[in-house]
Amino acid sequence: MKLKSIVLSALLLFGAVACVEPSYDSDKIRVVEVTEHDFELNGQSAVTIFVGEKNTPKFSFTILKSDLKKGTLLQSTSNSEPNLAVSASVGSEYYTQSADFDTSATVQIVELDKTNKIAKIAVGAKLVNPKIKNYTELAVTVVEVSGVNYDYLVK
């Protein structure tokens, strides 16, 4: 009986530690690219952040440069926010926000550190492929923009 208690305690301890340890998985969602060229969304300067696994972009989040301020929160339900454009490519399928389907998107500027050239941005989306009525989702995830991508983000 004592052995069972020790084994159970060890398993519980291992499970608790495993839950707290950060994951450095190569398949983790991260920033793959930030657009370096100038373009506009609704007639205003904008930037697109591509996130995905490894080096493969999946979701793209386009926001206005004027919204690049710590604390900015953009939320869209069924394509209700004109200053936020979100899409995804999965294989040959294209997913987007839609006023006709239950879709959503969120972008929040969590941190914008000009000194260390690091931005932390929370992104999430539920998008639809209206042709096949199929959804793809990204749970709200904080991604880090640094290096040359940070320069493209704030230029």
N, C-alpha and C. Protein backbone atom coordinates (compact mmCIF):
# COMPACT_ATOMS: atom_id res chain seq x y z
N MET A 1 0.82 -1.19 0.00
CA MET A 1 0.00 0.00 0.00
C MET A 1 0.87 1.26 0.00
N LYS A 2 1.97 1.21 0.78
CA LYS A 2 2.86 2.35 0.84
C LYS A 2 3.52 2.60 -0.51
N LEU A 3 3.86 1.53 -1.25
CA LEU A 3 4.46 1.64 -2.56
C LEU A 3 3.50 2.33 -3.53
N LYS A 4 2.21 1.97 -3.46
CA LYS A 4 1.20 2.59 -4.32
C LYS A 4 1.12 4.09 -4.04
N SER A 5 1.19 4.47 -2.78
CA SER A 5 1.13 5.88 -2.40
C SER A 5 2.33 6.64 -2.95
N ILE A 6 3.52 6.02 -2.86
CA ILE A 6 4.73 6.67 -3.36
C ILE A 6 4.65 6.84 -4.87
N VAL A 7 4.22 5.78 -5.56
CA VAL A 7 4.12 5.84 -7.02
C VAL A 7 3.08 6.88 -7.43
N LEU A 8 1.94 6.89 -6.76
CA LEU A 8 0.89 7.86 -7.07
C LEU A 8 1.38 9.28 -6.80
N SER A 9 2.08 9.48 -5.69
CA SER A 9 2.62 10.81 -5.37
C SER A 9 3.62 11.26 -6.43
N ALA A 10 4.48 10.34 -6.86
CA ALA A 10 5.48 10.68 -7.89
C ALA A 10 4.80 11.05 -9.20
N LEU A 11 3.77 10.30 -9.58
CA LEU A 11 3.04 10.60 -10.80
C LEU A 11 2.34 11.95 -10.72
N LEU A 12 1.73 12.24 -9.60
CA LEU A 12 1.06 13.52 -9.41
C LEU A 12 2.06 14.67 -9.45
N LEU A 13 3.21 14.48 -8.80
CA LEU A 13 4.25 15.50 -8.80
C LEU A 13 4.78 15.73 -10.22
N PHE A 14 5.04 14.66 -10.94
CA PHE A 14 5.52 14.77 -12.31
C PHE A 14 4.48 15.48 -13.18
N GLY A 15 3.21 15.12 -13.01
CA GLY A 15 2.13 15.76 -13.78
C GLY A 15 2.03 17.24 -13.48
N ALA A 16 2.18 17.62 -12.23
CA ALA A 16 2.10 19.03 -11.85
C ALA A 16 3.27 19.80 -12.43
N VAL A 17 4.47 19.22 -12.37
CA VAL A 17 5.66 19.89 -12.91
C VAL A 17 5.53 20.00 -14.43
N ALA A 18 5.03 18.95 -15.08
CA ALA A 18 4.89 18.98 -16.53
C ALA A 18 3.91 20.06 -16.96
N CYS A 19 2.90 20.33 -16.16
CA CYS A 19 1.93 21.36 -16.50
C CYS A 19 2.52 22.76 -16.37
N VAL A 20 3.49 22.94 -15.50
CA VAL A 20 4.06 24.25 -15.25
C VAL A 20 5.22 24.56 -16.19
N GLU A 21 5.95 23.55 -16.61
CA GLU A 21 7.10 23.76 -17.48
C GLU A 21 6.67 24.32 -18.82
N PRO A 22 7.35 25.34 -19.33
CA PRO A 22 7.01 25.87 -20.64
C PRO A 22 7.40 24.88 -21.73
N SER A 23 6.66 24.91 -22.80
CA SER A 23 6.92 24.03 -23.92
C SER A 23 7.75 24.76 -24.96
N TYR A 24 8.81 24.13 -25.42
CA TYR A 24 9.65 24.71 -26.46
C TYR A 24 9.55 23.87 -27.72
N ASP A 25 8.38 23.36 -27.98
CA ASP A 25 8.11 22.51 -29.12
C ASP A 25 8.33 23.27 -30.42
N SER A 26 8.96 22.63 -31.38
CA SER A 26 9.20 23.28 -32.67
C SER A 26 7.90 23.49 -33.44
N ASP A 27 6.84 22.82 -33.05
CA ASP A 27 5.55 22.99 -33.71
C ASP A 27 4.72 24.09 -33.06
N LYS A 28 5.30 24.83 -32.14
CA LYS A 28 4.60 25.90 -31.45
C LYS A 28 4.22 27.02 -32.42
N ILE A 29 3.06 27.60 -32.23
CA ILE A 29 2.62 28.72 -33.05
C ILE A 29 3.53 29.91 -32.77
N ARG A 30 4.04 30.52 -33.83
CA ARG A 30 4.93 31.66 -33.68
C ARG A 30 4.85 32.55 -34.92
N VAL A 31 5.47 33.72 -34.83
CA VAL A 31 5.51 34.63 -35.95
C VAL A 31 6.47 34.06 -37.00
N VAL A 32 5.97 33.92 -38.21
CA VAL A 32 6.78 33.42 -39.31
C VAL A 32 7.33 34.59 -40.11
N GLU A 33 6.50 35.64 -40.26
CA GLU A 33 6.90 36.77 -41.10
C GLU A 33 6.03 37.97 -40.79
N VAL A 34 6.58 39.15 -41.03
CA VAL A 34 5.83 40.41 -40.96
C VAL A 34 6.07 41.11 -42.29
N THR A 35 5.01 41.65 -42.89
CA THR A 35 5.19 42.29 -44.19
C THR A 35 6.17 43.45 -44.09
N GLU A 36 7.07 43.51 -45.07
CA GLU A 36 8.07 44.57 -45.08
C GLU A 36 7.70 45.69 -46.02
N HIS A 37 6.73 45.47 -46.90
CA HIS A 37 6.36 46.50 -47.86
C HIS A 37 5.18 47.33 -47.34
N ASP A 38 5.06 48.55 -47.85
CA ASP A 38 3.98 49.43 -47.44
C ASP A 38 2.71 49.08 -48.20
N PHE A 39 1.60 49.02 -47.48
CA PHE A 39 0.30 48.85 -48.10
C PHE A 39 -0.76 49.41 -47.17
N GLU A 40 -2.00 49.42 -47.63
CA GLU A 40 -3.07 50.05 -46.86
C GLU A 40 -4.23 49.09 -46.63
N LEU A 41 -4.91 49.34 -45.53
CA LEU A 41 -6.17 48.69 -45.20
C LEU A 41 -7.15 49.82 -44.94
N ASN A 42 -8.22 49.88 -45.68
CA ASN A 42 -9.21 50.96 -45.54
C ASN A 42 -8.58 52.33 -45.70
N GLY A 43 -7.61 52.44 -46.62
CA GLY A 43 -6.99 53.73 -46.91
C GLY A 43 -5.97 54.20 -45.90
N GLN A 44 -5.58 53.34 -44.95
CA GLN A 44 -4.60 53.71 -43.94
C GLN A 44 -3.45 52.70 -43.95
N SER A 45 -2.27 53.15 -43.54
CA SER A 45 -1.09 52.30 -43.49
C SER A 45 -1.34 51.09 -42.59
N ALA A 46 -0.97 49.90 -43.08
CA ALA A 46 -1.25 48.67 -42.35
C ALA A 46 -0.04 47.73 -42.39
N VAL A 47 -0.10 46.70 -41.58
CA VAL A 47 0.94 45.68 -41.52
C VAL A 47 0.26 44.32 -41.30
N THR A 48 0.87 43.28 -41.86
CA THR A 48 0.34 41.92 -41.69
C THR A 48 1.35 41.07 -40.96
N ILE A 49 0.86 40.35 -39.97
CA ILE A 49 1.66 39.42 -39.18
C ILE A 49 1.21 38.01 -39.55
N PHE A 50 2.14 37.19 -40.04
CA PHE A 50 1.84 35.81 -40.41
C PHE A 50 2.31 34.91 -39.29
N VAL A 51 1.43 34.05 -38.78
CA VAL A 51 1.79 33.11 -37.73
C VAL A 51 1.54 31.69 -38.22
N GLY A 52 2.33 30.79 -37.68
CA GLY A 52 2.16 29.39 -38.05
C GLY A 52 3.11 28.52 -37.25
N GLU A 53 3.24 27.29 -37.69
CA GLU A 53 4.13 26.33 -37.06
C GLU A 53 5.38 26.18 -37.92
N LYS A 54 6.50 25.95 -37.27
CA LYS A 54 7.79 25.84 -37.96
C LYS A 54 7.98 27.10 -38.79
N ASN A 55 8.22 27.00 -40.06
CA ASN A 55 8.35 28.18 -40.92
C ASN A 55 7.22 28.27 -41.93
N THR A 56 6.08 27.69 -41.59
CA THR A 56 4.95 27.67 -42.51
C THR A 56 3.84 28.60 -42.00
N PRO A 57 3.60 29.72 -42.69
CA PRO A 57 2.52 30.60 -42.25
C PRO A 57 1.16 29.94 -42.46
N LYS A 58 0.28 30.16 -41.52
CA LYS A 58 -1.08 29.62 -41.63
C LYS A 58 -2.09 30.75 -41.50
N PHE A 59 -2.00 31.53 -40.44
CA PHE A 59 -2.93 32.63 -40.21
C PHE A 59 -2.24 33.96 -40.51
N SER A 60 -2.99 34.90 -41.07
CA SER A 60 -2.46 36.26 -41.27
C SER A 60 -3.40 37.24 -40.60
N PHE A 61 -2.82 38.18 -39.87
CA PHE A 61 -3.55 39.21 -39.14
C PHE A 61 -3.09 40.57 -39.65
N THR A 62 -3.97 41.31 -40.28
CA THR A 62 -3.63 42.63 -40.79
C THR A 62 -4.30 43.68 -39.92
N ILE A 63 -3.48 44.61 -39.41
CA ILE A 63 -3.98 45.69 -38.56
C ILE A 63 -3.41 47.01 -39.06
N LEU A 64 -4.04 48.09 -38.65
CA LEU A 64 -3.55 49.42 -39.00
C LEU A 64 -2.31 49.73 -38.18
N LYS A 65 -1.36 50.42 -38.78
CA LYS A 65 -0.16 50.84 -38.05
C LYS A 65 -0.55 51.75 -36.88
N SER A 66 -1.60 52.53 -37.05
CA SER A 66 -2.03 53.43 -35.98
C SER A 66 -2.55 52.67 -34.75
N ASP A 67 -2.87 51.39 -34.91
CA ASP A 67 -3.33 50.57 -33.79
C ASP A 67 -2.18 49.87 -33.05
N LEU A 68 -0.95 50.11 -33.48
CA LEU A 68 0.20 49.49 -32.82
C LEU A 68 0.58 50.26 -31.57
N LYS A 69 -0.26 50.10 -30.54
CA LYS A 69 -0.04 50.73 -29.25
C LYS A 69 -0.34 49.69 -28.17
N LYS A 70 0.49 49.68 -27.14
CA LYS A 70 0.26 48.74 -26.04
C LYS A 70 -1.17 48.89 -25.52
N GLY A 71 -1.84 47.76 -25.39
CA GLY A 71 -3.20 47.75 -24.87
C GLY A 71 -4.28 47.75 -25.93
N THR A 72 -3.94 48.07 -27.18
CA THR A 72 -4.95 48.06 -28.23
C THR A 72 -5.57 46.67 -28.33
N LEU A 73 -6.89 46.62 -28.36
CA LEU A 73 -7.63 45.37 -28.50
C LEU A 73 -8.60 45.51 -29.66
N LEU A 74 -8.43 44.65 -30.65
CA LEU A 74 -9.34 44.61 -31.80
C LEU A 74 -10.04 43.26 -31.77
N GLN A 75 -11.38 43.30 -31.78
CA GLN A 75 -12.16 42.07 -31.78
C GLN A 75 -13.19 42.15 -32.89
N SER A 76 -13.34 41.07 -33.59
CA SER A 76 -14.28 41.02 -34.69
C SER A 76 -15.16 39.78 -34.56
N THR A 77 -16.44 39.97 -34.67
CA THR A 77 -17.38 38.86 -34.70
C THR A 77 -18.10 38.92 -36.03
N SER A 78 -18.01 37.84 -36.78
CA SER A 78 -18.62 37.78 -38.11
C SER A 78 -18.24 38.97 -38.98
N ASN A 79 -16.95 39.29 -38.97
CA ASN A 79 -16.35 40.34 -39.80
C ASN A 79 -16.88 41.74 -39.47
N SER A 80 -17.04 42.03 -38.18
CA SER A 80 -17.61 43.30 -37.74
C SER A 80 -16.60 44.42 -37.55
N GLU A 81 -15.30 44.12 -37.53
CA GLU A 81 -14.27 45.14 -37.29
C GLU A 81 -13.54 45.44 -38.59
N PRO A 82 -13.79 46.62 -39.19
CA PRO A 82 -13.18 46.93 -40.49
C PRO A 82 -11.67 47.14 -40.43
N ASN A 83 -11.12 47.41 -39.25
CA ASN A 83 -9.68 47.65 -39.13
C ASN A 83 -8.89 46.40 -38.77
N LEU A 84 -9.50 45.24 -38.97
CA LEU A 84 -8.84 43.96 -38.69
C LEU A 84 -9.22 42.98 -39.80
N ALA A 85 -8.22 42.53 -40.54
CA ALA A 85 -8.45 41.53 -41.59
C ALA A 85 -7.67 40.28 -41.22
N VAL A 86 -8.37 39.16 -41.17
CA VAL A 86 -7.75 37.90 -40.77
C VAL A 86 -8.11 36.82 -41.78
N SER A 87 -7.14 36.01 -42.13
CA SER A 87 -7.40 34.89 -43.04
C SER A 87 -6.45 33.75 -42.69
N ALA A 88 -6.67 32.61 -43.31
CA ALA A 88 -5.81 31.45 -43.10
C ALA A 88 -5.76 30.62 -44.37
N SER A 89 -4.63 29.96 -44.56
CA SER A 89 -4.47 29.01 -45.66
C SER A 89 -4.05 27.68 -45.07
N VAL A 90 -4.82 26.66 -45.37
CA VAL A 90 -4.52 25.31 -44.91
C VAL A 90 -4.49 24.43 -46.16
N GLY A 91 -3.28 24.07 -46.56
CA GLY A 91 -3.15 23.34 -47.82
C GLY A 91 -3.63 24.24 -48.95
N SER A 92 -4.57 23.76 -49.71
CA SER A 92 -5.12 24.56 -50.81
C SER A 92 -6.42 25.26 -50.43
N GLU A 93 -6.81 25.13 -49.17
CA GLU A 93 -8.06 25.74 -48.72
C GLU A 93 -7.81 27.11 -48.09
N TYR A 94 -8.71 28.05 -48.36
CA TYR A 94 -8.61 29.43 -47.86
C TYR A 94 -9.75 29.70 -46.89
N TYR A 95 -9.42 30.24 -45.73
CA TYR A 95 -10.39 30.53 -44.69
C TYR A 95 -10.39 32.04 -44.40
N THR A 96 -11.56 32.57 -44.05
CA THR A 96 -11.67 34.00 -43.83
C THR A 96 -12.77 34.30 -42.81
N GLN A 97 -12.86 35.57 -42.45
CA GLN A 97 -14.00 36.02 -41.64
C GLN A 97 -15.20 36.14 -42.57
N SER A 98 -16.38 36.04 -42.01
CA SER A 98 -17.58 36.14 -42.84
C SER A 98 -18.74 36.69 -42.02
N ALA A 99 -19.50 37.56 -42.65
CA ALA A 99 -20.71 38.08 -42.01
C ALA A 99 -21.83 37.04 -42.04
N ASP A 100 -21.68 36.02 -42.87
CA ASP A 100 -22.72 35.00 -43.02
C ASP A 100 -22.50 33.76 -42.16
N PHE A 101 -21.35 33.69 -41.49
CA PHE A 101 -21.03 32.52 -40.67
C PHE A 101 -20.53 32.97 -39.30
N ASP A 102 -20.51 32.03 -38.37
CA ASP A 102 -20.05 32.30 -37.01
C ASP A 102 -18.52 32.32 -36.99
N THR A 103 -17.95 33.50 -37.24
CA THR A 103 -16.49 33.65 -37.24
C THR A 103 -16.10 34.71 -36.23
N SER A 104 -14.82 34.68 -35.84
CA SER A 104 -14.33 35.68 -34.89
C SER A 104 -12.82 35.83 -35.05
N ALA A 105 -12.33 36.97 -34.59
CA ALA A 105 -10.89 37.23 -34.62
C ALA A 105 -10.55 38.22 -33.52
N THR A 106 -9.36 38.05 -32.95
CA THR A 106 -8.90 38.92 -31.88
C THR A 106 -7.42 39.22 -32.07
N VAL A 107 -7.06 40.49 -31.87
CA VAL A 107 -5.66 40.90 -31.82
C VAL A 107 -5.53 41.89 -30.67
N GLN A 108 -4.58 41.65 -29.78
CA GLN A 108 -4.31 42.59 -28.70
C GLN A 108 -2.81 42.81 -28.61
N ILE A 109 -2.41 44.09 -28.57
CA ILE A 109 -1.01 44.44 -28.40
C ILE A 109 -0.71 44.35 -26.90
N VAL A 110 -0.03 43.32 -26.49
CA VAL A 110 0.27 43.06 -25.09
C VAL A 110 1.48 43.87 -24.64
N GLU A 111 2.51 43.92 -25.48
CA GLU A 111 3.73 44.64 -25.14
C GLU A 111 4.35 45.17 -26.42
N LEU A 112 4.88 46.38 -26.35
CA LEU A 112 5.59 46.99 -27.47
C LEU A 112 6.82 47.67 -26.88
N ASP A 113 7.91 46.93 -26.83
CA ASP A 113 9.15 47.38 -26.19
C ASP A 113 10.11 47.90 -27.26
N LYS A 114 10.15 49.22 -27.43
CA LYS A 114 10.99 49.83 -28.45
C LYS A 114 12.47 49.71 -28.13
N THR A 115 12.82 49.69 -26.85
CA THR A 115 14.22 49.59 -26.44
C THR A 115 14.81 48.24 -26.83
N ASN A 116 14.12 47.17 -26.51
CA ASN A 116 14.61 45.81 -26.80
C ASN A 116 14.09 45.26 -28.13
N LYS A 117 13.28 46.05 -28.83
CA LYS A 117 12.72 45.67 -30.12
C LYS A 117 11.98 44.33 -30.05
N ILE A 118 11.02 44.28 -29.11
CA ILE A 118 10.20 43.09 -28.94
C ILE A 118 8.75 43.52 -28.79
N ALA A 119 7.88 42.86 -29.52
CA ALA A 119 6.44 43.07 -29.36
C ALA A 119 5.82 41.72 -29.02
N LYS A 120 4.88 41.75 -28.10
CA LYS A 120 4.10 40.56 -27.78
C LYS A 120 2.66 40.87 -28.14
N ILE A 121 2.10 40.00 -28.96
CA ILE A 121 0.77 40.23 -29.50
C ILE A 121 -0.06 38.98 -29.33
N ALA A 122 -1.24 39.14 -28.73
CA ALA A 122 -2.17 38.02 -28.58
C ALA A 122 -3.04 37.95 -29.83
N VAL A 123 -3.09 36.78 -30.45
CA VAL A 123 -3.89 36.59 -31.66
C VAL A 123 -4.76 35.34 -31.50
N GLY A 124 -5.91 35.38 -32.10
CA GLY A 124 -6.80 34.22 -32.10
C GLY A 124 -7.84 34.39 -33.19
N ALA A 125 -8.36 33.27 -33.69
CA ALA A 125 -9.35 33.37 -34.76
C ALA A 125 -10.14 32.09 -34.91
N LYS A 126 -11.35 32.26 -35.40
CA LYS A 126 -12.19 31.16 -35.86
C LYS A 126 -12.68 31.60 -37.23
N LEU A 127 -12.18 30.93 -38.26
CA LEU A 127 -12.45 31.34 -39.64
C LEU A 127 -13.18 30.23 -40.39
N VAL A 128 -13.78 30.60 -41.51
CA VAL A 128 -14.57 29.65 -42.29
C VAL A 128 -14.12 29.62 -43.74
N ASN A 129 -14.23 28.47 -44.34
CA ASN A 129 -14.13 28.34 -45.79
C ASN A 129 -15.58 28.23 -46.25
N PRO A 130 -16.15 29.32 -46.79
CA PRO A 130 -17.58 29.31 -47.10
C PRO A 130 -17.96 28.33 -48.20
N LYS A 131 -17.03 27.96 -49.06
CA LYS A 131 -17.34 27.01 -50.14
C LYS A 131 -17.68 25.63 -49.59
N ILE A 132 -16.89 25.20 -48.60
CA ILE A 132 -17.12 23.86 -48.06
C ILE A 132 -17.72 23.90 -46.65
N LYS A 133 -17.98 25.10 -46.15
CA LYS A 133 -18.57 25.30 -44.82
C LYS A 133 -17.79 24.56 -43.74
N ASN A 134 -16.48 24.74 -43.78
CA ASN A 134 -15.58 24.13 -42.82
C ASN A 134 -14.84 25.23 -42.07
N TYR A 135 -14.49 24.98 -40.82
CA TYR A 135 -13.83 25.99 -39.99
C TYR A 135 -12.40 25.59 -39.67
N THR A 136 -11.57 26.59 -39.40
CA THR A 136 -10.26 26.39 -38.81
C THR A 136 -10.13 27.39 -37.67
N GLU A 137 -9.45 27.00 -36.61
CA GLU A 137 -9.36 27.87 -35.43
C GLU A 137 -7.94 27.98 -34.92
N LEU A 138 -7.67 29.11 -34.32
CA LEU A 138 -6.43 29.35 -33.58
C LEU A 138 -6.85 29.88 -32.22
N ALA A 139 -6.59 29.10 -31.18
CA ALA A 139 -6.89 29.58 -29.82
C ALA A 139 -6.03 30.81 -29.56
N VAL A 140 -6.52 31.71 -28.73
CA VAL A 140 -5.77 32.93 -28.44
C VAL A 140 -4.39 32.55 -27.92
N THR A 141 -3.38 33.04 -28.63
CA THR A 141 -1.99 32.70 -28.38
C THR A 141 -1.17 33.98 -28.40
N VAL A 142 -0.26 34.12 -27.45
CA VAL A 142 0.63 35.28 -27.45
C VAL A 142 1.87 34.91 -28.27
N VAL A 143 2.13 35.70 -29.31
CA VAL A 143 3.31 35.48 -30.15
C VAL A 143 4.26 36.65 -29.96
N GLU A 144 5.53 36.40 -30.21
CA GLU A 144 6.55 37.43 -30.03
C GLU A 144 7.11 37.84 -31.39
N VAL A 145 7.17 39.15 -31.59
CA VAL A 145 7.76 39.72 -32.80
C VAL A 145 9.08 40.35 -32.39
N SER A 146 10.17 39.92 -33.02
CA SER A 146 11.49 40.46 -32.67
C SER A 146 12.37 40.52 -33.92
N GLY A 147 13.56 41.07 -33.73
CA GLY A 147 14.52 41.14 -34.83
C GLY A 147 14.02 41.96 -35.99
N VAL A 148 14.32 41.49 -37.19
CA VAL A 148 13.92 42.23 -38.39
C VAL A 148 12.40 42.33 -38.51
N ASN A 149 11.68 41.32 -38.02
CA ASN A 149 10.21 41.38 -38.05
C ASN A 149 9.69 42.53 -37.21
N TYR A 150 10.34 42.83 -36.08
CA TYR A 150 9.95 43.97 -35.26
C TYR A 150 10.15 45.26 -36.06
N ASP A 151 11.28 45.35 -36.74
CA ASP A 151 11.55 46.55 -37.55
C ASP A 151 10.47 46.74 -38.61
N TYR A 152 10.05 45.66 -39.28
CA TYR A 152 9.00 45.76 -40.29
C TYR A 152 7.66 46.15 -39.64
N LEU A 153 7.43 45.63 -38.43
CA LEU A 153 6.17 45.91 -37.73
C LEU A 153 6.00 47.40 -37.45
N VAL A 154 7.05 48.04 -36.99
CA VAL A 154 6.91 49.43 -36.52
C VAL A 154 7.39 50.48 -37.51
N LYS A 155 7.93 50.07 -38.67
CA LYS A 155 8.47 51.08 -39.61
C LYS A 155 7.39 51.93 -40.22
